Protein backbone atom coordinates (compact mmCIF):
# COMPACT_ATOMS: atom_id res chain seq x y z
CA MET A 1 92.68 -113.47 -78.05
CA GLU A 2 95.06 -115.04 -74.93
CA GLY A 3 93.51 -112.82 -72.30
CA THR A 4 94.97 -110.56 -69.51
CA GLY A 5 96.29 -113.17 -66.81
CA SER A 6 94.25 -113.65 -63.35
CA HIS A 7 93.23 -109.90 -62.34
CA ASP A 8 89.93 -110.22 -62.35
CA ASN A 9 89.48 -107.00 -59.91
CA SER A 10 86.24 -105.10 -59.96
CA GLY A 11 86.25 -101.73 -59.55
CA THR A 12 88.74 -99.04 -59.51
CA VAL A 13 92.43 -99.15 -57.98
CA SER A 14 94.98 -95.97 -57.55
CA LEU A 15 96.86 -94.49 -60.65
CA ASP A 16 100.16 -96.27 -59.51
CA GLU A 17 98.47 -99.39 -58.82
CA TYR A 18 96.83 -99.97 -62.02
CA MET A 19 100.17 -99.17 -63.78
CA ARG A 20 102.07 -101.56 -61.57
CA LEU A 21 99.55 -104.26 -62.67
CA GLN A 22 99.67 -102.83 -66.80
CA ARG A 23 103.39 -103.64 -66.70
CA GLU A 24 103.41 -106.92 -64.76
CA GLU A 25 101.07 -108.06 -67.59
CA ILE A 26 102.67 -106.28 -70.55
CA CYS A 27 106.00 -108.28 -69.31
CA SER A 28 104.33 -111.71 -68.23
CA GLU A 29 105.90 -114.69 -69.41
CA LYS A 30 102.88 -115.80 -71.41
CA ASN A 31 103.47 -111.95 -73.12
CA ARG A 32 106.24 -112.22 -73.84
CA TRP A 33 105.42 -115.64 -75.88
CA TYR A 34 102.83 -114.39 -78.16
CA ALA A 35 105.09 -111.46 -78.81
CA GLY A 36 107.56 -113.24 -79.87
CA GLU A 37 105.22 -115.66 -81.60
CA ARG A 38 104.20 -112.00 -83.30
CA VAL A 39 107.39 -110.76 -84.79
CA GLY A 40 109.38 -113.86 -84.99
CA HIS A 41 112.13 -113.24 -82.08
CA ASP A 42 112.48 -112.54 -78.17
CA PRO A 43 110.81 -109.22 -78.16
CA THR A 44 111.34 -105.97 -76.76
CA GLU A 45 109.41 -104.06 -74.02
CA LEU A 46 108.21 -101.97 -76.87
CA GLU A 47 107.21 -104.86 -78.99
CA MET A 48 105.64 -106.77 -76.17
CA ALA A 49 103.49 -103.17 -74.86
CA MET A 50 102.62 -103.10 -79.16
CA HIS A 51 101.42 -106.85 -79.07
CA TRP A 52 99.48 -106.47 -75.99
CA LEU A 53 97.57 -103.29 -77.01
CA LEU A 54 96.84 -104.61 -80.73
CA CYS A 55 95.81 -108.16 -78.99
CA GLY A 56 93.72 -106.94 -77.24
CA ALA A 57 94.63 -107.39 -73.98
CA ALA A 58 94.74 -103.59 -73.05
CA ALA A 59 91.27 -103.42 -73.34
CA LYS A 60 90.47 -106.53 -71.12
CA PHE A 61 92.34 -105.28 -68.81
CA ARG A 62 90.67 -101.65 -68.64
CA GLU A 63 87.18 -103.25 -68.39
CA CYS A 64 88.76 -104.80 -65.08
CA PHE A 65 89.18 -101.74 -63.30
CA ASN A 66 85.90 -99.60 -64.62
CA ARG A 67 88.59 -97.32 -66.67
CA PRO A 68 87.24 -95.11 -69.13
CA PRO A 69 87.72 -96.03 -73.32
CA ALA A 70 91.45 -95.79 -74.94
CA PRO A 71 91.13 -92.83 -77.88
CA SER A 72 89.73 -93.97 -81.05
CA TRP A 73 93.62 -93.72 -82.61
CA VAL A 74 94.88 -96.65 -79.50
CA THR A 75 91.97 -99.07 -80.53
CA ARG A 76 91.82 -99.03 -84.64
CA GLU A 77 92.45 -101.74 -86.72
CA GLU A 78 95.71 -102.29 -87.99
CA GLY A 79 96.24 -101.26 -91.25
CA GLU A 80 93.36 -98.70 -90.68
CA ASN A 81 94.13 -95.75 -91.78
CA SER A 82 93.89 -92.98 -88.88
CA SER A 83 96.21 -89.99 -87.44
CA ALA A 84 98.00 -91.10 -84.44
CA PRO A 85 99.06 -88.40 -82.65
CA ALA A 86 102.66 -86.59 -83.38
CA GLN A 87 105.53 -88.27 -81.49
């Protein structure tokens, strides 16, 4: 895993600040590069977000801000059969 950038905040932040920092990491040049390597082209924001989630960066980021764990369907391994909520 390539990490989650330079955020090492411990403690809690407002939801707005948490989401701003999260989007900053998802849209970072570092994540764009790794996501592009994964998908084989210049990734869309959705592909960047999916890469960030699947590579474990989201879990590491969440730990920095004392957030509760994600639901099991979000953290399952790729290829596992699990029923995600309908969209």
